[in-house]
Amino acid sequence: MEYFLKNLLTISCFILVAICFTAHANPGSWIPEKRKILEVIVEGGEGGEAIIYFEGGLPAAYIPSSCSASPNNTVYLNNDRGRSIYSLVLAAYLAGKPVTVALSCNGSIPVINHIRF
């Protein structure tokens, strides 16, 4: 019985470690290190959009595969969520504080879904 429990514990540890490593390199998950915002561009059109550029770009491993690895990280300004993210982007940019983000895709365009200081 003791042998079985040791093996079960060992296997469980290996599975837990494997899950942790895959979660840290998962497209669409949080970028692991904070980056400063270099530039913010607001474009017109229906509702408008903001394009955000980060110092050093964002790691390709965290950009969902359906997106191009474009440096144009977009925030759509046609809804409350997008305007809230844009407000945090501006606050971080003006304060010079780095942020971390999580992305999704709209076609081949990387879209910022989440942001934190």
N, C-alpha and C. Protein backbone atom coordinates (compact mmCIF):
# COMPACT_ATOMS: atom_id res chain seq x y z
N MET A 1 0.83 -1.19 0.00
CA MET A 1 0.00 0.00 0.00
C MET A 1 0.88 1.26 0.00
N GLU A 2 1.95 1.25 0.80
CA GLU A 2 2.83 2.41 0.89
C GLU A 2 3.51 2.68 -0.46
N TYR A 3 3.90 1.62 -1.16
CA TYR A 3 4.50 1.74 -2.49
C TYR A 3 3.53 2.39 -3.46
N PHE A 4 2.28 1.98 -3.42
CA PHE A 4 1.25 2.54 -4.29
C PHE A 4 1.06 4.04 -4.02
N LEU A 5 1.02 4.44 -2.77
CA LEU A 5 0.83 5.84 -2.40
C LEU A 5 2.02 6.69 -2.85
N LYS A 6 3.24 6.16 -2.72
CA LYS A 6 4.42 6.89 -3.18
C LYS A 6 4.37 7.11 -4.69
N ASN A 7 4.01 6.08 -5.43
CA ASN A 7 3.90 6.20 -6.89
C ASN A 7 2.80 7.18 -7.27
N LEU A 8 1.69 7.11 -6.59
CA LEU A 8 0.58 8.02 -6.86
C LEU A 8 0.99 9.47 -6.59
N LEU A 9 1.68 9.70 -5.51
CA LEU A 9 2.16 11.04 -5.16
C LEU A 9 3.18 11.53 -6.19
N THR A 10 4.08 10.68 -6.63
CA THR A 10 5.08 11.05 -7.63
C THR A 10 4.41 11.41 -8.96
N ILE A 11 3.50 10.61 -9.40
CA ILE A 11 2.79 10.87 -10.65
C ILE A 11 1.99 12.16 -10.55
N SER A 12 1.34 12.37 -9.42
CA SER A 12 0.56 13.60 -9.22
C SER A 12 1.46 14.83 -9.29
N CYS A 13 2.65 14.75 -8.71
CA CYS A 13 3.59 15.87 -8.76
C CYS A 13 4.02 16.16 -10.20
N PHE A 14 4.31 15.13 -10.97
CA PHE A 14 4.69 15.33 -12.37
C PHE A 14 3.56 15.98 -13.17
N ILE A 15 2.35 15.54 -12.94
CA ILE A 15 1.20 16.12 -13.65
C ILE A 15 1.02 17.58 -13.27
N LEU A 16 1.15 17.90 -12.00
CA LEU A 16 1.01 19.28 -11.53
C LEU A 16 2.08 20.18 -12.15
N VAL A 17 3.31 19.72 -12.20
CA VAL A 17 4.40 20.49 -12.82
C VAL A 17 4.13 20.70 -14.30
N ALA A 18 3.67 19.68 -14.99
CA ALA A 18 3.37 19.79 -16.42
C ALA A 18 2.26 20.81 -16.66
N ILE A 19 1.24 20.80 -15.83
CA ILE A 19 0.15 21.77 -15.97
C ILE A 19 0.66 23.19 -15.74
N CYS A 20 1.51 23.39 -14.76
CA CYS A 20 2.06 24.72 -14.47
C CYS A 20 2.88 25.24 -15.64
N PHE A 21 3.70 24.40 -16.24
CA PHE A 21 4.53 24.85 -17.36
C PHE A 21 3.70 25.17 -18.59
N THR A 22 2.66 24.40 -18.87
CA THR A 22 1.84 24.71 -20.03
C THR A 22 1.01 25.96 -19.80
N ALA A 23 0.63 26.24 -18.58
CA ALA A 23 -0.15 27.44 -18.30
C ALA A 23 0.68 28.70 -18.50
N HIS A 24 2.00 28.61 -18.33
CA HIS A 24 2.85 29.78 -18.47
C HIS A 24 3.26 30.06 -19.91
N ALA A 25 2.95 29.20 -20.83
CA ALA A 25 3.28 29.43 -22.24
C ALA A 25 2.04 29.22 -23.10
N ASN A 26 0.92 29.65 -22.58
CA ASN A 26 -0.34 29.40 -23.24
C ASN A 26 -0.81 30.64 -23.97
N PRO A 27 -0.95 30.58 -25.30
CA PRO A 27 -1.46 31.74 -26.03
C PRO A 27 -2.81 32.19 -25.47
N GLY A 28 -2.95 33.48 -25.29
CA GLY A 28 -4.17 34.03 -24.73
C GLY A 28 -4.13 34.19 -23.23
N SER A 29 -3.08 33.66 -22.57
CA SER A 29 -2.97 33.84 -21.13
C SER A 29 -2.17 35.11 -20.84
N TRP A 30 -2.05 35.46 -19.58
CA TRP A 30 -1.34 36.68 -19.19
C TRP A 30 0.12 36.64 -19.64
N ILE A 31 0.60 37.74 -20.17
CA ILE A 31 2.01 37.90 -20.50
C ILE A 31 2.76 37.85 -19.17
N PRO A 32 3.83 37.06 -19.04
CA PRO A 32 4.43 36.84 -17.73
C PRO A 32 5.15 38.06 -17.13
N GLU A 33 5.68 38.93 -17.96
CA GLU A 33 6.40 40.08 -17.41
C GLU A 33 5.73 41.37 -17.87
N LYS A 34 5.77 42.35 -17.00
CA LYS A 34 5.15 43.63 -17.32
C LYS A 34 5.99 44.38 -18.35
N ARG A 35 5.31 45.10 -19.23
CA ARG A 35 5.97 45.89 -20.28
C ARG A 35 5.46 47.32 -20.24
N LYS A 36 6.35 48.27 -20.51
CA LYS A 36 5.93 49.66 -20.61
C LYS A 36 5.26 49.90 -21.96
N ILE A 37 4.32 50.83 -21.95
CA ILE A 37 3.63 51.21 -23.18
C ILE A 37 4.44 52.30 -23.85
N LEU A 38 4.83 52.07 -25.09
CA LEU A 38 5.64 53.03 -25.83
C LEU A 38 4.81 54.09 -26.54
N GLU A 39 3.69 53.66 -27.11
CA GLU A 39 2.92 54.58 -27.94
C GLU A 39 1.45 54.14 -27.95
N VAL A 40 0.57 55.12 -28.03
CA VAL A 40 -0.87 54.88 -28.13
C VAL A 40 -1.37 55.68 -29.32
N ILE A 41 -2.02 55.01 -30.26
CA ILE A 41 -2.57 55.68 -31.44
C ILE A 41 -4.08 55.41 -31.45
N VAL A 42 -4.86 56.47 -31.59
CA VAL A 42 -6.31 56.32 -31.69
C VAL A 42 -6.70 56.60 -33.12
N GLU A 43 -7.46 55.66 -33.72
CA GLU A 43 -7.90 55.80 -35.10
C GLU A 43 -9.41 55.94 -35.13
N GLY A 44 -9.91 56.59 -36.16
CA GLY A 44 -11.34 56.82 -36.31
C GLY A 44 -12.06 55.60 -36.79
N GLY A 45 -13.16 55.81 -37.43
CA GLY A 45 -13.97 54.70 -37.90
C GLY A 45 -15.15 54.51 -36.97
N GLU A 46 -15.94 53.49 -37.22
CA GLU A 46 -17.12 53.21 -36.42
C GLU A 46 -16.72 52.85 -34.99
N GLY A 47 -16.92 53.74 -34.06
CA GLY A 47 -16.57 53.49 -32.66
C GLY A 47 -15.11 53.74 -32.34
N GLY A 48 -14.25 53.67 -33.32
CA GLY A 48 -12.83 53.92 -33.11
C GLY A 48 -12.09 52.74 -32.49
N GLU A 49 -10.80 52.84 -32.54
CA GLU A 49 -9.94 51.83 -31.92
C GLU A 49 -8.64 52.48 -31.52
N ALA A 50 -8.01 51.91 -30.51
CA ALA A 50 -6.71 52.36 -30.07
C ALA A 50 -5.71 51.25 -30.37
N ILE A 51 -4.55 51.64 -30.88
CA ILE A 51 -3.48 50.68 -31.16
C ILE A 51 -2.38 50.96 -30.15
N ILE A 52 -1.97 49.93 -29.45
CA ILE A 52 -1.01 50.05 -28.35
C ILE A 52 0.28 49.34 -28.73
N TYR A 53 1.40 50.04 -28.56
CA TYR A 53 2.72 49.46 -28.80
C TYR A 53 3.45 49.33 -27.47
N PHE A 54 4.06 48.16 -27.25
CA PHE A 54 4.76 47.88 -26.00
C PHE A 54 6.27 47.86 -26.21
N GLU A 55 6.99 48.28 -25.19
CA GLU A 55 8.45 48.25 -25.21
C GLU A 55 8.91 46.80 -25.39
N GLY A 56 9.66 46.53 -26.43
CA GLY A 56 10.15 45.18 -26.69
C GLY A 56 9.12 44.26 -27.32
N GLY A 57 7.92 44.76 -27.61
CA GLY A 57 6.86 43.92 -28.17
C GLY A 57 6.36 42.92 -27.14
N LEU A 58 5.47 42.08 -27.57
CA LEU A 58 4.93 41.04 -26.69
C LEU A 58 5.44 39.68 -27.16
N PRO A 59 5.72 38.76 -26.23
CA PRO A 59 6.24 37.45 -26.62
C PRO A 59 5.27 36.69 -27.52
N ALA A 60 5.77 36.17 -28.62
CA ALA A 60 4.95 35.47 -29.60
C ALA A 60 4.25 34.25 -28.99
N ALA A 61 4.84 33.64 -27.97
CA ALA A 61 4.24 32.46 -27.35
C ALA A 61 2.92 32.77 -26.66
N TYR A 62 2.64 34.03 -26.40
CA TYR A 62 1.41 34.42 -25.71
C TYR A 62 0.39 35.05 -26.64
N ILE A 63 0.70 35.14 -27.92
CA ILE A 63 -0.23 35.66 -28.90
C ILE A 63 -0.95 34.46 -29.51
N PRO A 64 -2.29 34.43 -29.47
CA PRO A 64 -3.01 33.29 -30.03
C PRO A 64 -2.61 33.03 -31.49
N SER A 65 -2.57 31.77 -31.87
CA SER A 65 -2.05 31.38 -33.18
C SER A 65 -2.86 31.92 -34.35
N SER A 66 -4.13 32.24 -34.15
CA SER A 66 -4.93 32.77 -35.25
C SER A 66 -4.61 34.24 -35.54
N CYS A 67 -3.87 34.89 -34.63
CA CYS A 67 -3.43 36.27 -34.85
C CYS A 67 -2.09 36.26 -35.56
N SER A 68 -1.83 37.33 -36.27
CA SER A 68 -0.46 37.52 -36.75
C SER A 68 0.34 38.05 -35.57
N ALA A 69 1.63 37.86 -35.57
CA ALA A 69 2.47 38.37 -34.49
C ALA A 69 2.72 39.86 -34.72
N SER A 70 1.65 40.59 -34.88
CA SER A 70 1.72 42.02 -35.17
C SER A 70 1.99 42.82 -33.91
N PRO A 71 2.74 43.90 -34.01
CA PRO A 71 2.94 44.76 -32.84
C PRO A 71 1.72 45.64 -32.58
N ASN A 72 0.72 45.60 -33.48
CA ASN A 72 -0.48 46.43 -33.35
C ASN A 72 -1.49 45.76 -32.43
N ASN A 73 -1.37 45.99 -31.15
CA ASN A 73 -2.30 45.43 -30.18
C ASN A 73 -3.47 46.39 -30.05
N THR A 74 -4.66 45.90 -30.35
CA THR A 74 -5.82 46.76 -30.53
C THR A 74 -6.76 46.73 -29.33
N VAL A 75 -7.37 47.87 -29.06
CA VAL A 75 -8.46 48.00 -28.10
C VAL A 75 -9.60 48.68 -28.85
N TYR A 76 -10.75 48.01 -28.93
CA TYR A 76 -11.91 48.60 -29.61
C TYR A 76 -12.63 49.53 -28.64
N LEU A 77 -12.96 50.72 -29.09
CA LEU A 77 -13.54 51.74 -28.23
C LEU A 77 -15.05 51.86 -28.38
N ASN A 78 -15.69 50.87 -28.98
CA ASN A 78 -17.12 50.95 -29.23
C ASN A 78 -17.96 50.31 -28.13
N ASN A 79 -17.33 49.93 -27.00
CA ASN A 79 -18.10 49.36 -25.89
C ASN A 79 -17.43 49.77 -24.56
N ASP A 80 -18.14 49.56 -23.47
CA ASP A 80 -17.65 49.97 -22.15
C ASP A 80 -16.37 49.24 -21.76
N ARG A 81 -16.29 47.97 -22.07
CA ARG A 81 -15.09 47.20 -21.71
C ARG A 81 -13.85 47.77 -22.41
N GLY A 82 -13.97 48.02 -23.71
CA GLY A 82 -12.85 48.58 -24.47
C GLY A 82 -12.44 49.95 -23.95
N ARG A 83 -13.43 50.79 -23.63
CA ARG A 83 -13.12 52.12 -23.10
C ARG A 83 -12.47 52.03 -21.72
N SER A 84 -12.87 51.03 -20.92
CA SER A 84 -12.24 50.83 -19.60
C SER A 84 -10.79 50.40 -19.75
N ILE A 85 -10.53 49.47 -20.67
CA ILE A 85 -9.15 49.04 -20.92
C ILE A 85 -8.33 50.22 -21.43
N TYR A 86 -8.90 51.00 -22.32
CA TYR A 86 -8.21 52.18 -22.86
C TYR A 86 -7.88 53.17 -21.75
N SER A 87 -8.77 53.36 -20.79
CA SER A 87 -8.51 54.25 -19.66
C SER A 87 -7.31 53.77 -18.84
N LEU A 88 -7.24 52.46 -18.61
CA LEU A 88 -6.11 51.91 -17.87
C LEU A 88 -4.81 52.03 -18.67
N VAL A 89 -4.91 51.85 -19.99
CA VAL A 89 -3.74 52.02 -20.86
C VAL A 89 -3.21 53.44 -20.74
N LEU A 90 -4.10 54.41 -20.82
CA LEU A 90 -3.68 55.81 -20.72
C LEU A 90 -3.08 56.13 -19.35
N ALA A 91 -3.70 55.62 -18.29
CA ALA A 91 -3.18 55.85 -16.95
C ALA A 91 -1.77 55.28 -16.80
N ALA A 92 -1.58 54.05 -17.29
CA ALA A 92 -0.25 53.42 -17.20
C ALA A 92 0.77 54.17 -18.05
N TYR A 93 0.36 54.58 -19.24
CA TYR A 93 1.26 55.30 -20.14
C TYR A 93 1.70 56.63 -19.52
N LEU A 94 0.74 57.40 -19.00
CA LEU A 94 1.07 58.70 -18.41
C LEU A 94 1.89 58.57 -17.14
N ALA A 95 1.65 57.49 -16.36
CA ALA A 95 2.41 57.28 -15.13
C ALA A 95 3.74 56.59 -15.37
N GLY A 96 3.95 56.10 -16.59
CA GLY A 96 5.19 55.38 -16.88
C GLY A 96 5.26 54.02 -16.22
N LYS A 97 4.11 53.45 -15.87
CA LYS A 97 4.05 52.15 -15.20
C LYS A 97 3.92 51.02 -16.20
N PRO A 98 4.64 49.93 -16.01
CA PRO A 98 4.48 48.78 -16.90
C PRO A 98 3.20 48.02 -16.58
N VAL A 99 2.68 47.32 -17.57
CA VAL A 99 1.46 46.53 -17.41
C VAL A 99 1.69 45.14 -18.00
N THR A 100 0.79 44.26 -17.69
CA THR A 100 0.74 42.96 -18.34
C THR A 100 -0.66 42.81 -18.93
N VAL A 101 -0.75 42.08 -20.03
CA VAL A 101 -2.01 41.95 -20.75
C VAL A 101 -2.25 40.50 -21.14
N ALA A 102 -3.49 40.21 -21.53
CA ALA A 102 -3.85 38.95 -22.14
C ALA A 102 -4.58 39.29 -23.44
N LEU A 103 -4.28 38.54 -24.48
CA LEU A 103 -4.79 38.84 -25.82
C LEU A 103 -5.76 37.79 -26.33
N SER A 104 -6.62 38.24 -27.24
CA SER A 104 -7.43 37.34 -28.06
C SER A 104 -7.25 37.83 -29.50
N CYS A 105 -8.00 37.27 -30.42
CA CYS A 105 -7.88 37.68 -31.82
C CYS A 105 -9.23 38.10 -32.36
N ASN A 106 -9.19 39.06 -33.25
CA ASN A 106 -10.33 39.41 -34.08
C ASN A 106 -9.83 39.28 -35.50
N GLY A 107 -10.08 38.13 -36.12
CA GLY A 107 -9.45 37.82 -37.39
C GLY A 107 -7.97 37.60 -37.14
N SER A 108 -7.12 38.39 -37.77
CA SER A 108 -5.67 38.26 -37.54
C SER A 108 -5.14 39.39 -36.66
N ILE A 109 -6.04 40.16 -36.04
CA ILE A 109 -5.63 41.32 -35.24
C ILE A 109 -5.58 40.93 -33.77
N PRO A 110 -4.42 41.13 -33.09
CA PRO A 110 -4.35 40.89 -31.65
C PRO A 110 -5.18 41.95 -30.91
N VAL A 111 -6.04 41.50 -30.01
CA VAL A 111 -6.92 42.39 -29.25
C VAL A 111 -6.63 42.22 -27.77
N ILE A 112 -6.43 43.33 -27.07
CA ILE A 112 -6.18 43.29 -25.63
C ILE A 112 -7.53 43.02 -24.93
N ASN A 113 -7.60 41.88 -24.25
CA ASN A 113 -8.81 41.49 -23.51
C ASN A 113 -8.75 41.85 -22.04
N HIS A 114 -7.54 41.79 -21.48
CA HIS A 114 -7.35 42.02 -20.05
C HIS A 114 -6.08 42.84 -19.87
N ILE A 115 -6.07 43.66 -18.82
CA ILE A 115 -4.88 44.46 -18.52
C ILE A 115 -4.78 44.60 -17.01
N ARG A 116 -3.55 44.60 -16.50
CA ARG A 116 -3.35 44.83 -15.06
C ARG A 116 -2.03 45.55 -14.86
N PHE A 117 -1.98 46.33 -13.77
CA PHE A 117 -0.76 47.07 -13.41
C PHE A 117 0.18 46.15 -12.66
